[in-house]
């Protein structure tokens, strides 16, 4: 059986560094953490008998709660999670909720009925975790939202900087010459760390820095994260503001719906209206035109979340919180506005 000295020798790092990784200390580089965690898995390292018992597959398995039944981005992450869990021979059950359902209530019901080893939350907002989550005592991971402020020892989180990413997306429209910009998607709420709120705020940051005027009542139309909702919301927005030359959609699925609405009106993307999305799902590479969008790193989000949950289940590590870098994908859906 491998020891901590074996892990240090094979990984090439000191025993102290290995110990810090096992205890999820912050003062370890991402490279060292990745190498050591890989060796731990390969060697099936067991620090004690209790951890060894926890390592054995349990009938209850792991549950993934997905909030947003039509959100293609969340389904893309789910596919990555299921693939990685299968590599670890973990049993995984999935429960889908609509965007208005309470994921914490669902988790409490699952915990009471099935006693899962761990729970992963895809989508949702940290606001719901600040209240009744204290009643859940199994290792959990929230993906696509930052739960560091919740401060619960059983809750990790991995997310993208939504506000900064949205600012980049809208800045691309402004740099192309757009000053009449509409925003589609999400339901901004009173608490500050909801994804929709952060993306809207990032868009407003970009316009404020560029001195582009924006009326939220006029140029913003909320909707659910689905193609149909994006299609319908884009219709409302264009009826209200036919002068728009650029649209920022807070998700790619909303962007696809908006692009279809624009086409059905006899207009063209990007010649008449430019569109920028958010998520970077694979579908955008094959849309006509290819969608310009913010790319969230789906593989990294899934890998970090799965590794964190399994290591915490096995070794009792404390919760961790990380922001995963994003990038801008230059597609074909943005160009300079026509002269009017």
Protein backbone atom coordinates (compact mmCIF):
# COMPACT_ATOMS: atom_id res chain seq x y z
CA UNK A 1 0.00 0.00 0.00
CA UNK A 2 1.32 3.44 -0.97
CA UNK A 3 2.42 5.81 1.79
CA UNK A 4 2.71 9.59 1.84
CA UNK A 5 6.47 9.10 1.24
CA UNK A 6 5.66 7.09 -1.91
CA UNK A 7 3.37 9.87 -3.15
CA UNK A 8 6.15 12.41 -2.57
CA UNK A 9 8.76 10.25 -4.32
CA UNK A 10 6.61 9.47 -7.38
CA UNK A 11 5.32 13.03 -7.78
CA UNK A 12 8.72 14.63 -7.24
CA UNK A 13 7.41 16.95 -4.53
CA UNK A 14 8.23 17.11 -0.84
CA UNK A 15 6.25 15.33 1.87
CA UNK A 16 5.23 18.76 3.16
CA UNK A 17 3.78 19.75 -0.22
CA UNK A 18 1.92 16.43 -0.47
CA UNK A 19 0.53 16.97 3.03
CA UNK A 20 -0.66 20.47 2.10
CA UNK A 21 -2.46 19.08 -0.95
CA UNK A 22 -4.13 16.35 1.13
CA UNK A 23 -5.32 19.03 3.55
CA UNK A 24 -6.33 21.40 0.73
CA UNK A 25 -4.04 24.22 1.81
CA UNK A 26 -3.94 27.31 -0.39
CA UNK A 27 -0.14 27.70 -0.55
CA UNK A 28 0.36 25.10 -3.31
CA UNK A 29 0.77 25.85 -7.02
CA UNK A 30 -1.88 24.56 -9.43
CA UNK A 31 0.79 22.50 -11.22
CA UNK A 32 1.92 20.79 -8.01
CA UNK A 33 -1.65 20.17 -6.90
CA UNK A 34 -2.57 18.62 -10.26
CA UNK A 35 0.48 16.31 -10.32
CA UNK A 36 0.07 15.16 -6.70
CA UNK A 37 -3.68 14.55 -7.00
CA UNK A 38 -3.03 12.49 -10.14
CA UNK A 39 -0.49 10.32 -8.28
CA UNK A 40 -2.86 9.94 -5.33
CA UNK A 41 -5.53 8.54 -7.64
CA UNK A 42 -3.11 6.30 -9.57
CA UNK A 43 -1.66 4.82 -6.36
CA UNK A 44 -5.07 4.55 -4.65
CA UNK A 45 -3.49 6.19 -1.62
CA UNK A 46 -5.37 5.60 1.65
CA UNK A 47 -4.30 7.72 4.63
CA UNK A 48 -6.16 5.63 7.22
CA UNK A 49 -8.70 2.84 7.64
CA UNK A 50 -11.64 5.23 7.83
CA UNK A 51 -10.68 6.82 4.53
CA UNK A 52 -10.27 3.37 3.02
CA UNK A 53 -13.80 2.46 3.98
CA UNK A 54 -15.08 5.73 2.52
CA UNK A 55 -13.30 4.93 -0.72
CA UNK A 56 -15.38 1.83 -1.38
CA UNK A 57 -18.32 2.31 -3.78
CA UNK A 58 -21.61 2.78 -1.94
CA UNK A 59 -25.07 1.98 -3.27
CA UNK A 60 -26.15 5.58 -2.56
CA UNK A 61 -23.49 6.98 -4.89
CA UNK A 62 -23.27 10.61 -5.91
CA UNK A 63 -26.13 12.89 -6.96
CA UNK A 64 -25.99 15.73 -9.48
CA UNK A 65 -28.75 18.35 -9.26
CA UNK A 66 -29.13 20.39 -12.47
CA UNK A 67 -31.12 23.60 -12.20
CA UNK A 68 -32.23 24.45 -15.74
CA UNK A 69 -33.72 21.67 -17.85
CA UNK A 70 -33.13 23.45 -21.20
CA UNK A 71 -29.72 24.93 -20.44
CA UNK A 72 -27.38 23.31 -22.99
CA UNK A 73 -24.30 24.66 -21.20
CA UNK A 74 -25.17 22.85 -17.97
CA UNK A 75 -25.88 19.65 -19.91
CA UNK A 76 -22.42 19.96 -21.51
CA UNK A 77 -20.79 20.13 -18.07
CA UNK A 78 -22.98 17.24 -16.90
CA UNK A 79 -21.69 15.05 -19.75
CA UNK A 80 -18.10 15.78 -18.70
CA UNK A 81 -18.90 15.01 -15.06
CA UNK A 82 -20.55 11.68 -15.91
CA UNK A 83 -17.60 10.67 -18.09
CA UNK A 84 -15.09 11.45 -15.34
CA UNK A 85 -17.17 9.77 -12.65
CA UNK A 86 -17.41 6.66 -14.80
CA UNK A 87 -13.62 6.55 -15.00
CA UNK A 88 -13.60 6.46 -11.18
CA UNK A 89 -16.31 3.75 -11.19
CA UNK A 90 -18.68 5.98 -9.24
CA UNK A 91 -22.46 5.53 -9.32
CA UNK A 92 -24.13 8.81 -10.30
CA UNK A 93 -27.80 9.81 -10.28
CA UNK A 94 -29.06 13.03 -11.90
CA UNK A 95 -32.06 15.15 -10.97
CA UNK A 96 -33.21 18.02 -13.20
CA UNK A 97 -35.06 21.05 -11.81
CA UNK A 98 -36.59 24.01 -13.57
CA UNK A 99 -35.13 27.45 -12.95
CA UNK A 100 -37.70 28.36 -10.28
CA UNK A 101 -37.30 25.24 -8.10
CA UNK A 102 -35.26 25.16 -4.89
CA UNK A 103 -32.14 23.00 -5.29
CA UNK A 104 -31.49 22.95 -1.53
CA UNK A 105 -34.91 21.51 -0.83
CA UNK A 106 -34.26 18.86 -3.47
CA UNK A 107 -30.87 18.08 -1.91
CA UNK A 108 -32.38 17.68 1.56
CA UNK A 109 -34.96 15.24 0.20
CA UNK A 110 -32.22 13.25 -1.55
CA UNK A 111 -30.07 13.23 1.59
CA UNK A 112 -32.92 11.99 3.77
CA UNK A 113 -34.04 9.30 1.32
CA UNK A 114 -30.79 8.01 -0.18
CA UNK A 115 -27.89 9.08 2.07
CA UNK A 116 -25.59 10.03 -0.85
CA UNK A 117 -21.80 10.20 -0.50
CA UNK A 118 -21.78 13.63 -2.11
CA UNK A 119 -23.86 16.10 -4.12
CA UNK A 120 -22.93 18.29 -7.08
CA UNK A 121 -25.04 21.35 -7.93
CA UNK A 122 -25.07 22.60 -11.52
CA UNK A 123 -26.51 26.09 -11.94
CA UNK A 124 -28.38 28.10 -9.36
CA UNK A 125 -27.36 30.95 -7.12
CA UNK A 126 -25.51 31.07 -3.82
CA UNK A 127 -28.39 33.01 -2.25
CA UNK A 128 -30.34 29.78 -1.69
CA UNK A 129 -27.28 28.21 -0.05
CA UNK A 130 -27.03 30.86 2.65
CA UNK A 131 -30.11 29.62 4.46
CA UNK A 132 -31.08 25.97 4.75
CA UNK A 133 -27.85 24.48 3.34
CA UNK A 134 -26.58 24.24 6.92
CA UNK A 135 -28.83 21.18 7.27
CA UNK A 136 -26.83 19.24 4.65
CA UNK A 137 -23.75 17.47 6.02
CA UNK A 138 -22.28 15.57 3.05
CA UNK A 139 -19.51 16.93 0.78
CA UNK A 140 -21.03 19.16 -1.91
CA UNK A 141 -19.78 21.17 -4.89
CA UNK A 142 -21.52 24.14 -6.50
CA UNK A 143 -20.51 24.61 -10.14
CA UNK A 144 -20.87 27.95 -12.05
CA UNK A 145 -21.35 30.07 -8.93
CA UNK A 146 -18.96 31.28 -6.22
CA UNK A 147 -19.88 29.90 -2.79
CA UNK A 148 -16.82 31.19 -0.93
CA UNK A 149 -18.92 33.79 0.88
CA UNK A 150 -21.33 31.12 2.13
CA UNK A 151 -18.58 29.82 4.39
CA UNK A 152 -19.92 26.29 4.80
CA UNK A 153 -17.24 23.63 5.46
CA UNK A 154 -19.02 21.05 3.26
CA UNK A 155 -19.49 23.28 0.20
CA UNK A 156 -16.83 23.84 -2.49
CA UNK A 157 -17.37 25.92 -5.63
CA UNK A 158 -15.85 26.33 -9.09
CA UNK A 159 -16.97 29.11 -11.39
CA UNK A 160 -16.08 31.74 -13.99
CA UNK A 161 -15.78 35.47 -13.33
CA UNK A 162 -19.16 36.25 -14.90
CA UNK A 163 -18.93 40.00 -14.45
CA UNK A 164 -15.47 40.34 -16.00
CA UNK A 165 -16.39 37.99 -18.87
CA UNK A 166 -19.59 39.89 -19.70
CA UNK A 167 -17.60 43.14 -19.74
CA UNK A 168 -15.24 41.60 -22.32
CA UNK A 169 -18.19 40.43 -24.46
CA UNK A 170 -19.85 43.84 -24.62
CA UNK A 171 -16.51 45.59 -25.08
CA UNK A 172 -16.11 43.55 -28.30
CA UNK A 173 -19.40 44.99 -29.58
CA UNK A 174 -18.34 48.51 -28.64
CA UNK A 175 -14.93 48.11 -30.28
CA UNK A 176 -16.73 47.08 -33.49
CA UNK A 177 -18.57 50.42 -33.40
CA UNK A 178 -21.88 49.54 -31.73
CA UNK A 179 -23.52 52.09 -29.44
CA UNK A 180 -27.14 50.87 -29.53
CA UNK A 181 -26.80 47.56 -27.70
CA UNK A 182 -29.54 45.32 -26.33
CA UNK A 183 -29.15 42.67 -23.62
CA UNK A 184 -31.12 39.42 -23.49
CA UNK A 185 -31.58 36.74 -20.87
CA UNK A 186 -31.61 35.94 -17.20
CA UNK A 187 -33.66 37.40 -14.39
CA UNK A 188 -31.58 39.88 -12.39
CA UNK A 189 -32.51 39.79 -8.73
CA UNK A 190 -31.80 41.75 -5.58
CA UNK A 191 -28.77 39.73 -4.44
CA UNK A 192 -25.44 40.58 -6.07
CA UNK A 193 -23.89 37.18 -6.88
CA UNK A 194 -26.52 35.68 -9.17
CA UNK A 195 -25.11 34.81 -12.62
CA UNK A 196 -27.67 36.94 -14.45
CA UNK A 197 -27.03 39.91 -12.18
CA UNK A 198 -23.26 39.62 -12.58
CA UNK A 199 -23.45 39.35 -16.37
CA UNK A 200 -25.79 42.30 -16.62
CA UNK A 201 -23.50 44.32 -14.35
CA UNK A 202 -20.47 43.38 -16.46
CA UNK A 203 -22.25 44.58 -19.59
CA UNK A 204 -23.10 47.85 -17.86
CA UNK A 205 -19.46 48.20 -16.75
CA UNK A 206 -18.32 48.00 -20.38
CA UNK A 207 -20.83 50.61 -21.53
CA UNK A 208 -20.06 52.93 -18.66
CA UNK A 209 -16.32 52.81 -19.36
CA UNK A 210 -16.95 53.57 -23.04
CA UNK A 211 -19.54 56.30 -22.26
CA UNK A 212 -22.23 54.36 -24.15
CA UNK A 213 -25.71 55.30 -22.93
CA UNK A 214 -27.99 52.46 -21.85
CA UNK A 215 -31.53 52.37 -20.50
CA UNK A 216 -32.22 49.09 -18.72
CA UNK A 217 -35.99 49.55 -19.07
CA UNK A 218 -35.65 49.99 -22.84
CA UNK A 219 -32.70 47.87 -23.95
CA UNK A 220 -32.84 44.89 -21.57
CA UNK A 221 -35.27 41.98 -21.92
CA UNK A 222 -35.08 39.16 -19.33
CA UNK A 223 -35.85 35.54 -20.19
CA UNK A 224 -35.09 31.93 -19.25
CA UNK A 225 -31.94 30.17 -20.46
CA UNK A 226 -33.44 28.44 -23.50
CA UNK A 227 -33.59 28.93 -27.27
CA UNK A 228 -37.35 29.43 -27.30
CA UNK A 229 -37.15 32.00 -24.52
CA UNK A 230 -34.33 33.78 -26.37
CA UNK A 231 -36.37 33.80 -29.57
CA UNK A 232 -39.41 35.29 -27.86
CA UNK A 233 -37.43 37.82 -25.83
CA UNK A 234 -35.53 38.99 -28.92
CA UNK A 235 -38.86 39.61 -30.64
CA UNK A 236 -40.06 41.77 -27.76
CA UNK A 237 -36.76 43.66 -27.65
CA UNK A 238 -36.65 44.33 -31.40
CA UNK A 239 -40.29 45.45 -31.45
CA UNK A 240 -39.50 47.91 -28.67
CA UNK A 241 -36.07 48.98 -29.99
CA UNK A 242 -35.80 48.54 -33.78
CA UNK A 243 -32.69 50.77 -33.76
CA UNK A 244 -30.53 48.13 -32.02
CA UNK A 245 -27.39 47.12 -33.95
CA UNK A 246 -25.85 44.74 -31.39
CA UNK A 247 -27.14 42.19 -28.87
CA UNK A 248 -25.38 40.61 -25.89
CA UNK A 249 -27.11 37.37 -24.86
CA UNK A 250 -26.24 36.14 -21.38
CA UNK A 251 -26.05 32.54 -22.64
CA UNK A 252 -25.39 30.87 -25.99
CA UNK A 253 -28.79 29.17 -25.94
CA UNK A 254 -30.46 32.58 -25.68
CA UNK A 255 -28.18 33.84 -28.46
CA UNK A 256 -29.27 31.03 -30.82
CA UNK A 257 -32.91 31.92 -30.24
CA UNK A 258 -32.16 35.60 -30.88
CA UNK A 259 -30.32 34.79 -34.13
CA UNK A 260 -33.33 32.83 -35.39
CA UNK A 261 -35.65 35.73 -34.50
CA UNK A 262 -33.42 38.14 -36.41
CA UNK A 263 -33.42 35.84 -39.45
CA UNK A 264 -37.21 35.40 -39.35
CA UNK A 265 -37.55 39.18 -39.60
CA UNK A 266 -35.61 39.19 -42.85
CA UNK A 267 -32.51 40.60 -41.18
CA UNK A 268 -28.96 39.26 -41.14
CA UNK A 269 -26.40 38.45 -38.46
CA UNK A 270 -24.01 40.27 -38.35
CA UNK A 271 -24.78 42.64 -41.28
CA UNK A 272 -27.88 44.10 -39.63
CA UNK A 273 -27.47 43.04 -36.01
CA UNK A 274 -24.33 41.64 -34.33
CA UNK A 275 -24.75 39.02 -31.59
CA UNK A 276 -22.38 37.96 -28.79
CA UNK A 277 -23.14 35.00 -26.54
CA UNK A 278 -21.81 33.60 -23.27
CA UNK A 279 -20.70 30.01 -22.47
CA UNK A 280 -18.81 28.70 -25.51
CA UNK A 281 -20.85 25.52 -26.04
CA UNK A 282 -19.95 23.35 -29.03
CA UNK A 283 -23.13 24.23 -30.96
CA UNK A 284 -21.79 27.74 -31.53
CA UNK A 285 -18.98 26.37 -33.70
CA UNK A 286 -21.56 25.01 -36.15
CA UNK A 287 -24.20 27.77 -36.16
CA UNK A 288 -24.51 30.02 -39.22
CA UNK A 289 -22.78 32.34 -38.69
CA UNK A 290 -20.42 30.92 -36.06
CA UNK A 291 -21.24 32.55 -32.75
CA UNK A 292 -18.80 34.97 -31.13
CA UNK A 293 -18.95 34.20 -27.43
CA UNK A 294 -17.31 33.96 -24.04
CA UNK A 295 -15.88 30.47 -23.57
CA UNK A 296 -16.17 28.96 -20.13
CA UNK A 297 -13.75 26.06 -19.71
CA UNK A 298 -16.22 23.18 -19.42
CA UNK A 299 -13.55 20.49 -19.12
CA UNK A 300 -11.69 22.32 -16.37
CA UNK A 301 -14.87 23.13 -14.45
CA UNK A 302 -15.89 19.46 -14.54
CA UNK A 303 -12.42 18.07 -13.78
CA UNK A 304 -11.77 20.36 -10.81
CA UNK A 305 -15.24 19.75 -9.39
CA UNK A 306 -15.06 15.96 -9.70
CA UNK A 307 -11.53 15.77 -8.27
CA UNK A 308 -12.47 18.04 -5.37
CA UNK A 309 -15.58 16.07 -4.44
CA UNK A 310 -13.94 12.64 -4.64
CA UNK A 311 -10.88 13.71 -2.67
CA UNK A 312 -13.07 15.29 0.02
CA UNK A 313 -15.26 12.18 0.24
CA UNK A 314 -12.19 9.96 0.60
CA UNK A 315 -9.84 12.10 2.67
CA UNK A 316 -12.04 14.59 4.49
CA UNK A 317 -10.34 17.63 2.97
CA UNK A 318 -11.85 21.07 3.63
CA UNK A 319 -13.89 22.86 0.98
CA UNK A 320 -12.13 24.76 -1.82
CA UNK A 321 -13.17 27.64 -4.08
CA UNK A 322 -11.66 28.54 -7.44
CA UNK A 323 -12.40 30.88 -10.34
CA UNK A 324 -11.62 29.19 -13.68
CA UNK A 325 -10.22 31.45 -16.45
CA UNK A 326 -12.42 32.29 -19.46
CA UNK A 327 -11.57 33.32 -23.02
CA UNK A 328 -13.27 35.14 -25.89
CA UNK A 329 -13.99 33.09 -29.02
CA UNK A 330 -13.93 35.19 -32.18
CA UNK A 331 -16.70 33.85 -34.40
CA UNK A 332 -18.56 35.39 -37.33
CA UNK A 333 -21.51 37.02 -35.58
CA UNK A 334 -19.95 40.44 -34.91
CA UNK A 335 -19.12 43.14 -37.47
CA UNK A 336 -19.26 46.92 -37.66
CA UNK A 337 -22.79 48.38 -37.88
CA UNK A 338 -24.05 49.60 -41.22
CA UNK A 339 -24.00 53.33 -41.78
CA UNK A 340 -27.49 54.79 -41.36
